[in-house]
Amino acid sequence: MISYRMRERLFKVFASLSMLLVLLVVLFPIYWMLLTGVKPSRELYLPQPTFWTQHPTLDHLFSLFRRTPYLIQLRNTALVAVIGTTVAITVASLGGYSLSRLRYKGRDFMASAIFFTYLVPGTLTLIPLYILFSRLGLLNSLYCLMLTTLAGGTPFAIWMLKGYFTGIPTELEDAALIDGCTRLQALRKVILPIAAPGIVACGVFAFTGAWNEYMMPMILNNKEELWTLAVGLAGLVYGDVFLWGEIMIGAFLMSIPVLILYMVGQRFVVTGLTAGAVKG
């Protein structure tokens, strides 16, 4: 009969092997992007794919910068993602606090309406948004992409932060109000620092969605100088010709900021999403 200590060791070995397998599955696409981006062109179309190259090259990277305004597209993507996410999280913090703390008529209906808008697929809003931005004269500009980031990321962030704010004891806020703080000061000095993990988690998800967005920039912007990275990489497909080396090295470079963001904020992401989902 297997002892308890032996069962515990076997469980740890099984858990470690399982995590290693999951890690390999997750990291392999990133490795494959980098590998394809540094392979010589003659190795990309071999009958049998190779998992390493003896002759790494940066030709595809230089070709990417020659064929596309990659740095301009990087700037466009960063502006849309950073500004759109910042405004979305600011609005969501105020909205989530309002739905969690304040008492007014129609609050529950408003919370349900916000949650419903989060459930609506973004593709269903393409035509209405196109007509709206066309009439406002905002087509072919970065402003319309920032507004779509704001509209797309705010409902989820409001709902998550509402749950997070609900889990914070009201006594902390009451104490701040007694000490002379206004409602806004109590939010800024007491509630927001405590809710930092939830705010960071919502920010990471909103930033990732804006950074990887393809459909909205493709539909709302026709000018190449206003393309984002996702649209620019799709532009490397000419009919039935795929420039795999340029596409893969561009996608790898595009994924680096998101990977760094997740590595830095992973603790906040796990804590914030867990707390927000449970308390909401």
C-alpha atoms as a PDB file:
ATOM      1  CA  MET A   1       0.000   0.000   0.000  1.00  0.00           C
ATOM      2  CA  ILE A   2       1.337   3.422  -0.998  1.00  0.00           C
ATOM      3  CA  SER A   3       2.080   5.678   1.947  1.00  0.00           C
ATOM      4  CA  TYR A   4       0.733   9.209   2.291  1.00  0.00           C
ATOM      5  CA  ARG A   5       4.188  10.711   1.729  1.00  0.00           C
ATOM      6  CA  MET A   6       4.657   8.701  -1.469  1.00  0.00           C
ATOM      7  CA  ARG A   7       1.222   9.767  -2.751  1.00  0.00           C
ATOM      8  CA  GLU A   8       2.094  13.381  -2.034  1.00  0.00           C
ATOM      9  CA  ARG A   9       5.356  13.059  -3.975  1.00  0.00           C
ATOM     10  CA  LEU A  10       3.609  11.395  -6.906  1.00  0.00           C
ATOM     11  CA  PHE A  11       1.013  14.145  -6.938  1.00  0.00           C
ATOM     12  CA  LYS A  12       3.729  16.824  -6.984  1.00  0.00           C
ATOM     13  CA  VAL A  13       5.524  15.059  -9.838  1.00  0.00           C
ATOM     14  CA  PHE A  14       2.293  14.729 -11.813  1.00  0.00           C
ATOM     15  CA  ALA A  15       1.382  18.375 -11.150  1.00  0.00           C
ATOM     16  CA  SER A  16       4.856  19.539 -12.207  1.00  0.00           C
ATOM     17  CA  LEU A  17       4.771  17.503 -15.421  1.00  0.00           C
ATOM     18  CA  SER A  18       1.284  18.795 -16.196  1.00  0.00           C
ATOM     19  CA  MET A  19       2.379  22.391 -15.700  1.00  0.00           C
ATOM     20  CA  LEU A  20       5.442  21.780 -17.858  1.00  0.00           C
ATOM     21  CA  LEU A  21       3.233  20.416 -20.627  1.00  0.00           C
ATOM     22  CA  VAL A  22       0.918  23.417 -20.417  1.00  0.00           C
ATOM     23  CA  LEU A  23       3.934  25.745 -20.434  1.00  0.00           C
ATOM     24  CA  LEU A  24       5.280  24.095 -23.586  1.00  0.00           C
ATOM     25  CA  VAL A  25       1.919  24.413 -25.317  1.00  0.00           C
ATOM     26  CA  VAL A  26       1.699  28.096 -24.379  1.00  0.00           C
ATOM     27  CA  LEU A  27       5.280  29.026 -25.257  1.00  0.00           C
ATOM     28  CA  PHE A  28       5.596  27.028 -28.466  1.00  0.00           C
ATOM     29  CA  PRO A  29       3.691  29.520 -30.677  1.00  0.00           C
ATOM     30  CA  ILE A  30       5.941  32.335 -29.448  1.00  0.00           C
ATOM     31  CA  TYR A  31       9.019  30.237 -30.127  1.00  0.00           C
ATOM     32  CA  TRP A  32       7.694  29.298 -33.565  1.00  0.00           C
ATOM     33  CA  MET A  33       7.082  32.950 -34.454  1.00  0.00           C
ATOM     34  CA  LEU A  34      10.641  33.872 -33.514  1.00  0.00           C
ATOM     35  CA  LEU A  35      12.088  30.836 -35.266  1.00  0.00           C
ATOM     36  CA  THR A  36      10.176  31.515 -38.483  1.00  0.00           C
ATOM     37  CA  GLY A  37      11.219  35.159 -38.323  1.00  0.00           C
ATOM     38  CA  VAL A  38      14.943  34.326 -38.230  1.00  0.00           C
ATOM     39  CA  LYS A  39      14.924  31.410 -40.695  1.00  0.00           C
ATOM     40  CA  PRO A  40      16.331  31.979 -44.180  1.00  0.00           C
ATOM     41  CA  SER A  41      13.656  32.061 -46.874  1.00  0.00           C
ATOM     42  CA  ARG A  42      14.774  28.739 -48.357  1.00  0.00           C
ATOM     43  CA  GLU A  43      14.068  26.970 -45.049  1.00  0.00           C
ATOM     44  CA  LEU A  44      10.523  28.311 -44.712  1.00  0.00           C
ATOM     45  CA  TYR A  45       9.153  26.145 -47.511  1.00  0.00           C
ATOM     46  CA  LEU A  46      10.926  22.854 -46.870  1.00  0.00           C
ATOM     47  CA  PRO A  47       8.679  19.741 -47.100  1.00  0.00           C
ATOM     48  CA  GLN A  48       9.591  18.821 -43.518  1.00  0.00           C
ATOM     49  CA  PRO A  49       9.475  21.690 -40.995  1.00  0.00           C
ATOM     50  CA  THR A  50      12.552  22.109 -38.832  1.00  0.00           C
ATOM     51  CA  PHE A  51      12.483  23.156 -35.194  1.00  0.00           C
ATOM     52  CA  TRP A  52      15.809  24.962 -35.360  1.00  0.00           C
ATOM     53  CA  THR A  53      17.912  26.736 -37.936  1.00  0.00           C
ATOM     54  CA  GLN A  54      21.611  26.542 -38.515  1.00  0.00           C
ATOM     55  CA  HIS A  55      21.668  29.857 -40.355  1.00  0.00           C
ATOM     56  CA  PRO A  56      19.680  32.502 -38.425  1.00  0.00           C
ATOM     57  CA  THR A  57      19.243  35.765 -40.270  1.00  0.00           C
ATOM     58  CA  LEU A  58      17.705  39.198 -39.735  1.00  0.00           C
ATOM     59  CA  ASP A  59      16.773  39.618 -43.399  1.00  0.00           C
ATOM     60  CA  HIS A  60      13.059  39.337 -42.645  1.00  0.00           C
ATOM     61  CA  LEU A  61      13.327  42.042 -39.975  1.00  0.00           C
ATOM     62  CA  PHE A  62      15.031  44.456 -42.373  1.00  0.00           C
ATOM     63  CA  SER A  63      12.514  43.545 -45.080  1.00  0.00           C
ATOM     64  CA  LEU A  64       9.668  44.265 -42.649  1.00  0.00           C
ATOM     65  CA  PHE A  65      10.960  47.788 -42.021  1.00  0.00           C
ATOM     66  CA  ARG A  66      11.459  48.339 -45.765  1.00  0.00           C
ATOM     67  CA  ARG A  67       7.998  47.105 -46.786  1.00  0.00           C
ATOM     68  CA  THR A  68       5.929  48.677 -43.988  1.00  0.00           C
ATOM     69  CA  PRO A  69       6.052  51.807 -41.815  1.00  0.00           C
ATOM     70  CA  TYR A  70       6.332  49.519 -38.797  1.00  0.00           C
ATOM     71  CA  LEU A  71       7.484  52.168 -36.339  1.00  0.00           C
ATOM     72  CA  ILE A  72       4.621  54.470 -37.329  1.00  0.00           C
ATOM     73  CA  GLN A  73       2.175  51.602 -36.884  1.00  0.00           C
ATOM     74  CA  LEU A  74       3.763  50.890 -33.491  1.00  0.00           C
ATOM     75  CA  ARG A  75       3.249  54.515 -32.505  1.00  0.00           C
ATOM     76  CA  ASN A  76      -0.389  54.425 -33.646  1.00  0.00           C
ATOM     77  CA  THR A  77      -1.063  51.229 -31.720  1.00  0.00           C
ATOM     78  CA  ALA A  78       0.601  52.556 -28.576  1.00  0.00           C
ATOM     79  CA  LEU A  79      -1.352  55.832 -28.692  1.00  0.00           C
ATOM     80  CA  VAL A  80      -4.679  54.068 -29.168  1.00  0.00           C
ATOM     81  CA  ALA A  81      -4.008  51.426 -26.514  1.00  0.00           C
ATOM     82  CA  VAL A  82      -2.503  53.684 -23.844  1.00  0.00           C
ATOM     83  CA  ILE A  83      -4.885  56.644 -24.177  1.00  0.00           C
ATOM     84  CA  GLY A  84      -7.976  54.492 -24.727  1.00  0.00           C
ATOM     85  CA  THR A  85      -7.150  52.235 -21.781  1.00  0.00           C
ATOM     86  CA  THR A  86      -6.330  55.147 -19.462  1.00  0.00           C
ATOM     87  CA  VAL A  87      -9.613  56.920 -20.186  1.00  0.00           C
ATOM     88  CA  ALA A  88     -11.575  53.646 -20.009  1.00  0.00           C
ATOM     89  CA  ILE A  89     -10.171  52.716 -16.589  1.00  0.00           C
ATOM     90  CA  THR A  90     -10.752  56.249 -15.283  1.00  0.00           C
ATOM     91  CA  VAL A  91     -14.381  56.169 -16.389  1.00  0.00           C
ATOM     92  CA  ALA A  92     -14.786  52.601 -15.127  1.00  0.00           C
ATOM     93  CA  SER A  93     -13.403  53.493 -11.698  1.00  0.00           C
ATOM     94  CA  LEU A  94     -15.942  56.287 -11.298  1.00  0.00           C
ATOM     95  CA  GLY A  95     -18.747  54.165 -12.745  1.00  0.00           C
ATOM     96  CA  GLY A  96     -17.946  51.121 -10.648  1.00  0.00           C
ATOM     97  CA  TYR A  97     -17.723  53.235  -7.508  1.00  0.00           C
ATOM     98  CA  SER A  98     -21.065  54.860  -8.290  1.00  0.00           C
ATOM     99  CA  LEU A  99     -22.827  51.531  -8.800  1.00  0.00           C
ATOM    100  CA  SER A 100     -21.232  50.069  -5.679  1.00  0.00           C
ATOM    101  CA  ARG A 101     -21.482  52.896  -3.140  1.00  0.00           C
ATOM    102  CA  LEU A 102     -24.058  55.489  -4.157  1.00  0.00           C
ATOM    103  CA  ARG A 103     -27.791  55.021  -3.775  1.00  0.00           C
ATOM    104  CA  TYR A 104     -30.033  56.489  -6.470  1.00  0.00           C
ATOM    105  CA  LYS A 105     -33.062  55.557  -8.524  1.00  0.00           C
ATOM    106  CA  GLY A 106     -32.344  53.260 -11.469  1.00  0.00           C
ATOM    107  CA  ARG A 107     -28.946  52.124 -10.216  1.00  0.00           C
ATOM    108  CA  ASP A 108     -29.701  48.411 -10.555  1.00  0.00           C
ATOM    109  CA  PHE A 109     -31.156  48.899 -14.024  1.00  0.00           C
ATOM    110  CA  MET A 110     -28.070  50.839 -15.090  1.00  0.00           C
ATOM    111  CA  ALA A 111     -25.798  48.081 -13.767  1.00  0.00           C
ATOM    112  CA  SER A 112     -27.760  45.464 -15.729  1.00  0.00           C
ATOM    113  CA  ALA A 113     -27.681  47.618 -18.874  1.00  0.00           C
ATOM    114  CA  ILE A 114     -23.900  48.011 -18.630  1.00  0.00           C
ATOM    115  CA  PHE A 115     -23.479  44.266 -18.214  1.00  0.00           C
ATOM    116  CA  PHE A 116     -25.728  43.685 -21.236  1.00  0.00           C
ATOM    117  CA  THR A 117     -23.587  45.970 -23.414  1.00  0.00           C
ATOM    118  CA  TYR A 118     -20.554  43.885 -22.423  1.00  0.00           C
ATOM    119  CA  LEU A 119     -22.310  40.785 -23.785  1.00  0.00           C
ATOM    120  CA  VAL A 120     -22.968  42.357 -27.202  1.00  0.00           C
ATOM    121  CA  PRO A 121     -20.362  41.166 -29.771  1.00  0.00           C
ATOM    122  CA  GLY A 122     -18.253  43.992 -31.092  1.00  0.00           C
ATOM    123  CA  THR A 123     -18.837  42.993 -34.712  1.00  0.00           C
ATOM    124  CA  LEU A 124     -22.537  43.879 -34.349  1.00  0.00           C
ATOM    125  CA  THR A 125     -21.571  47.483 -33.656  1.00  0.00           C
ATOM    126  CA  LEU A 126     -19.344  47.923 -36.720  1.00  0.00           C
ATOM    127  CA  ILE A 127     -21.975  49.374 -39.053  1.00  0.00           C
ATOM    128  CA  PRO A 128     -23.558  51.707 -36.450  1.00  0.00           C
ATOM    129  CA  LEU A 129     -20.112  52.926 -35.393  1.00  0.00           C
ATOM    130  CA  TYR A 130     -19.052  53.474 -38.994  1.00  0.00           C
ATOM    131  CA  ILE A 131     -22.172  55.564 -39.674  1.00  0.00           C
ATOM    132  CA  LEU A 132     -21.735  57.493 -36.412  1.00  0.00           C
ATOM    133  CA  PHE A 133     -18.057  58.313 -36.975  1.00  0.00           C
ATOM    134  CA  SER A 134     -18.750  59.173 -40.614  1.00  0.00           C
ATOM    135  CA  ARG A 135     -21.341  61.755 -39.615  1.00  0.00           C
ATOM    136  CA  LEU A 136     -19.051  63.124 -36.918  1.00  0.00           C
ATOM    137  CA  GLY A 137     -16.152  63.378 -39.361  1.00  0.00           C
ATOM    138  CA  LEU A 138     -13.939  61.096 -37.278  1.00  0.00           C
ATOM    139  CA  LEU A 139     -13.274  58.379 -39.858  1.00  0.00           C
ATOM    140  CA  ASN A 140      -9.633  57.850 -40.831  1.00  0.00           C
ATOM    141  CA  SER A 141      -8.343  59.199 -37.529  1.00  0.00           C
ATOM    142  CA  LEU A 142      -6.931  57.754 -34.350  1.00  0.00           C
ATOM    143  CA  TYR A 143      -9.674  59.412 -32.325  1.00  0.00           C
ATOM    144  CA  CYS A 144     -12.311  56.959 -33.526  1.00  0.00           C
ATOM    145  CA  LEU A 145     -10.083  54.031 -32.509  1.00  0.00           C
ATOM    146  CA  MET A 146      -9.562  55.542 -29.066  1.00  0.00           C
ATOM    147  CA  LEU A 147     -13.326  55.942 -28.693  1.00  0.00           C
ATOM    148  CA  THR A 148     -13.951  52.325 -29.713  1.00  0.00           C
ATOM    149  CA  THR A 149     -11.354  51.223 -27.149  1.00  0.00           C
ATOM    150  CA  LEU A 150     -13.161  53.309 -24.548  1.00  0.00           C
ATOM    151  CA  ALA A 151     -16.546  51.890 -25.513  1.00  0.00           C
ATOM    152  CA  GLY A 152     -15.302  48.308 -25.689  1.00  0.00           C
ATOM    153  CA  GLY A 153     -13.260  48.183 -22.498  1.00  0.00           C
ATOM    154  CA  THR A 154     -15.392  50.248 -20.147  1.00  0.00           C
ATOM    155  CA  PRO A 155     -18.386  47.904 -19.538  1.00  0.00           C
ATOM    156  CA  PHE A 156     -16.210  44.959 -18.502  1.00  0.00           C
ATOM    157  CA  ALA A 157     -14.052  47.185 -16.300  1.00  0.00           C
ATOM    158  CA  ILE A 158     -17.087  48.803 -14.639  1.00  0.00           C
ATOM    159  CA  TRP A 159     -18.590  45.430 -13.825  1.00  0.00           C
ATOM    160  CA  MET A 160     -15.366  44.018 -12.427  1.00  0.00           C
ATOM    161  CA  LEU A 161     -14.551  47.129 -10.386  1.00  0.00           C
ATOM    162  CA  LYS A 162     -18.094  47.278  -9.052  1.00  0.00           C
ATOM    163  CA  GLY A 163     -17.548  43.831  -7.556  1.00  0.00           C
ATOM    164  CA  TYR A 164     -14.157  44.863  -6.203  1.00  0.00           C
ATOM    165  CA  PHE A 165     -15.471  48.066  -4.597  1.00  0.00           C
ATOM    166  CA  THR A 166     -18.352  46.130  -3.033  1.00  0.00           C
ATOM    167  CA  GLY A 167     -15.842  43.945  -1.179  1.00  0.00           C
ATOM    168  CA  ILE A 168     -14.098  46.920   0.430  1.00  0.00           C
ATOM    169  CA  PRO A 169     -15.499  47.656   3.925  1.00  0.00           C
ATOM    170  CA  THR A 170     -17.570  50.838   4.018  1.00  0.00           C
ATOM    171  CA  GLU A 171     -16.119  51.642   7.433  1.00  0.00           C
ATOM    172  CA  LEU A 172     -12.852  52.724   5.808  1.00  0.00           C
ATOM    173  CA  GLU A 173     -14.649  55.237   3.647  1.00  0.00           C
ATOM    174  CA  ASP A 174     -16.853  56.418   6.517  1.00  0.00           C
ATOM    175  CA  ALA A 175     -13.761  57.083   8.608  1.00  0.00           C
ATOM    176  CA  ALA A 176     -12.281  59.201   5.813  1.00  0.00           C
ATOM    177  CA  LEU A 177     -15.520  61.170   5.495  1.00  0.00           C
ATOM    178  CA  ILE A 178     -15.583  61.788   9.253  1.00  0.00           C
ATOM    179  CA  ASP A 179     -11.993  63.056   9.066  1.00  0.00           C
ATOM    180  CA  GLY A 180     -13.125  65.724   6.616  1.00  0.00           C
ATOM    181  CA  CYS A 181     -12.547  64.113   3.223  1.00  0.00           C
ATOM    182  CA  THR A 182     -15.034  64.696   0.444  1.00  0.00           C
ATOM    183  CA  ARG A 183     -16.512  61.722  -1.386  1.00  0.00           C
ATOM    184  CA  LEU A 184     -14.058  62.181  -4.239  1.00  0.00           C
ATOM    185  CA  GLN A 185     -11.096  62.476  -1.862  1.00  0.00           C
ATOM    186  CA  ALA A 186     -12.168  59.307  -0.063  1.00  0.00           C
ATOM    187  CA  LEU A 187     -12.298  57.540  -3.410  1.00  0.00           C
ATOM    188  CA  ARG A 188      -8.873  58.800  -4.450  1.00  0.00           C
ATOM    189  CA  LYS A 189      -7.026  58.377  -1.148  1.00  0.00           C
ATOM    190  CA  VAL A 190      -8.702  55.316   0.367  1.00  0.00           C
ATOM    191  CA  ILE A 191     -10.699  53.232  -2.097  1.00  0.00           C
ATOM    192  CA  LEU A 192      -8.518  53.368  -5.217  1.00  0.00           C
ATOM    193  CA  PRO A 193      -5.265  52.315  -3.456  1.00  0.00           C
ATOM    194  CA  ILE A 194      -7.051  49.311  -1.962  1.00  0.00           C
ATOM    195  CA  ALA A 195      -8.627  48.475  -5.323  1.00  0.00           C
ATOM    196  CA  ALA A 196      -5.293  48.733  -7.173  1.00  0.00           C
ATOM    197  CA  PRO A 197      -5.126  44.976  -8.051  1.00  0.00           C
ATOM    198  CA  GLY A 198      -8.563  45.096  -9.658  1.00  0.00           C
ATOM    199  CA  ILE A 199      -7.756  48.297 -11.525  1.00  0.00           C
ATOM    200  CA  VAL A 200      -4.487  46.864 -12.837  1.00  0.00           C
ATOM    201  CA  ALA A 201      -6.231  43.652 -13.921  1.00  0.00           C
ATOM    202  CA  CYS A 202      -8.888  45.567 -15.836  1.00  0.00           C
ATOM    203  CA  GLY A 203      -6.225  47.805 -17.340  1.00  0.00           C
ATOM    204  CA  VAL A 204      -4.174  44.841 -18.554  1.00  0.00           C
ATOM    205  CA  PHE A 205      -7.170  43.263 -20.251  1.00  0.00           C
ATOM    206  CA  ALA A 206      -8.319  46.547 -21.805  1.00  0.00           C
ATOM    207  CA  PHE A 207      -4.803  47.299 -23.059  1.00  0.00           C
ATOM    208  CA  THR A 208      -4.419  43.818 -24.528  1.00  0.00           C
ATOM    209  CA  GLY A 209      -7.735  44.070 -26.358  1.00  0.00           C
ATOM    210  CA  ALA A 210      -6.832  47.472 -27.798  1.00  0.00           C
ATOM    211  CA  TRP A 211      -3.304  46.390 -28.725  1.00  0.00           C
ATOM    212  CA  ASN A 212      -4.477  43.312 -30.636  1.00  0.00           C
ATOM    213  CA  GLU A 213      -7.614  44.848 -32.181  1.00  0.00           C
ATOM    214  CA  TYR A 214      -7.866  44.202 -35.904  1.00  0.00           C
ATOM    215  CA  MET A 215     -11.455  44.590 -37.082  1.00  0.00           C
ATOM    216  CA  MET A 216     -12.135  48.159 -35.927  1.00  0.00           C
ATOM    217  CA  PRO A 217      -8.888  49.705 -37.264  1.00  0.00           C
ATOM    218  CA  MET A 218      -9.346  47.894 -40.576  1.00  0.00           C
ATOM    219  CA  ILE A 219     -12.923  49.138 -41.068  1.00  0.00           C
ATOM    220  CA  LEU A 220     -12.624  52.654 -39.658  1.00  0.00           C
ATOM    221  CA  ASN A 221      -9.232  53.623 -41.120  1.00  0.00           C
ATOM    222  CA  ASN A 222      -8.338  53.508 -44.808  1.00  0.00           C
ATOM    223  CA  LYS A 223      -5.111  55.487 -44.601  1.00  0.00           C
ATOM    224  CA  GLU A 224      -1.993  53.367 -44.366  1.00  0.00           C
ATOM    225  CA  GLU A 225      -0.235  55.918 -42.167  1.00  0.00           C
ATOM    226  CA  LEU A 226      -2.985  55.399 -39.566  1.00  0.00           C
ATOM    227  CA  TRP A 227      -2.863  51.602 -39.561  1.00  0.00           C
ATOM    228  CA  THR A 228      -2.164  49.772 -36.346  1.00  0.00           C
ATOM    229  CA  LEU A 229       0.223  46.828 -36.086  1.00  0.00           C
ATOM    230  CA  ALA A 230      -2.459  44.160 -36.544  1.00  0.00           C
ATOM    231  CA  VAL A 231      -3.709  45.751 -39.760  1.00  0.00           C
ATOM    232  CA  GLY A 232      -0.164  46.360 -40.987  1.00  0.00           C
ATOM    233  CA  LEU A 233       0.785  42.689 -40.550  1.00  0.00           C
ATOM    234  CA  ALA A 234      -2.343  41.619 -42.423  1.00  0.00           C
ATOM    235  CA  GLY A 235      -1.202  43.915 -45.233  1.00  0.00           C
ATOM    236  CA  LEU A 236       1.797  41.630 -45.782  1.00  0.00           C
ATOM    237  CA  VAL A 237      -0.532  39.108 -47.421  1.00  0.00           C
ATOM    238  CA  TYR A 238      -0.621  39.806 -51.154  1.00  0.00           C
ATOM    239  CA  GLY A 239      -3.368  37.686 -52.681  1.00  0.00           C
ATOM    240  CA  ASP A 240      -2.204  34.114 -52.184  1.00  0.00           C
ATOM    241  CA  VAL A 241       1.355  35.168 -51.305  1.00  0.00           C
ATOM    242  CA  PHE A 242       2.177  35.118 -47.587  1.00  0.00           C
ATOM    243  CA  LEU A 243       5.413  36.778 -46.489  1.00  0.00           C
ATOM    244  CA  TRP A 244       5.752  34.420 -43.551  1.00  0.00           C
ATOM    245  CA  GLY A 245       9.142  35.627 -42.402  1.00  0.00           C
ATOM    246  CA  GLU A 246       8.087  39.266 -42.203  1.00  0.00           C
ATOM    247  CA  ILE A 247       4.692  38.398 -40.710  1.00  0.00           C
ATOM    248  CA  MET A 248       6.169  36.208 -37.982  1.00  0.00           C
ATOM    249  CA  ILE A 249       8.959  38.533 -36.924  1.00  0.00           C
ATOM    250  CA  GLY A 250       6.477  41.420 -36.897  1.00  0.00           C
ATOM    251  CA  ALA A 251       4.010  39.418 -34.796  1.00  0.00           C
ATOM    252  CA  PHE A 252       6.780  38.456 -32.369  1.00  0.00           C
ATOM    253  CA  LEU A 253       7.819  42.082 -31.908  1.00  0.00           C
ATOM    254  CA  MET A 254       4.152  43.028 -31.515  1.00  0.00           C
ATOM    255  CA  SER A 255       3.679  40.486 -28.723  1.00  0.00           C
ATOM    256  CA  ILE A 256       6.636  41.692 -26.628  1.00  0.00           C
ATOM    257  CA  PRO A 257       4.902  44.670 -24.914  1.00  0.00           C
ATOM    258  CA  VAL A 258       1.902  42.522 -23.957  1.00  0.00           C
ATOM    259  CA  LEU A 259       4.161  39.761 -22.617  1.00  0.00           C
ATOM    260  CA  ILE A 260       6.108  42.254 -20.521  1.00  0.00           C
ATOM    261  CA  LEU A 261       2.877  43.788 -19.249  1.00  0.00           C
ATOM    262  CA  TYR A 262       1.537  40.401 -18.174  1.00  0.00           C
ATOM    263  CA  MET A 263       4.797  39.391 -16.523  1.00  0.00           C
ATOM    264  CA  VAL A 264       4.906  42.619 -14.531  1.00  0.00           C
ATOM    265  CA  GLY A 265       1.240  42.613 -13.583  1.00  0.00           C
ATOM    266  CA  GLN A 266       0.419  38.903 -13.364  1.00  0.00           C
ATOM    267  CA  ARG A 267       0.058  38.982  -9.584  1.00  0.00           C
ATOM    268  CA  PHE A 268      -2.412  41.857  -9.807  1.00  0.00           C
ATOM    269  CA  VAL A 269      -4.279  40.195 -12.669  1.00  0.00           C
ATOM    270  CA  VAL A 270      -4.904  36.978 -10.733  1.00  0.00           C
ATOM    271  CA  THR A 271      -5.764  38.767  -7.480  1.00  0.00           C
ATOM    272  CA  GLY A 272      -7.938  41.393  -9.124  1.00  0.00           C
ATOM    273  CA  LEU A 273      -9.955  39.086 -11.348  1.00  0.00           C
ATOM    274  CA  THR A 274     -10.525  36.547  -8.577  1.00  0.00           C
ATOM    275  CA  ALA A 275     -11.665  39.150  -6.068  1.00  0.00           C
ATOM    276  CA  GLY A 276     -13.779  41.064  -8.570  1.00  0.00           C
ATOM    277  CA  ALA A 277     -15.505  37.970  -9.898  1.00  0.00           C
ATOM    278  CA  VAL A 278     -16.257  36.536  -6.430  1.00  0.00           C
ATOM    279  CA  LYS A 279     -17.369  39.764  -4.800  1.00  0.00           C
ATOM    280  CA  GLY A 280     -19.395  40.862  -7.823  1.00  0.00           C
END
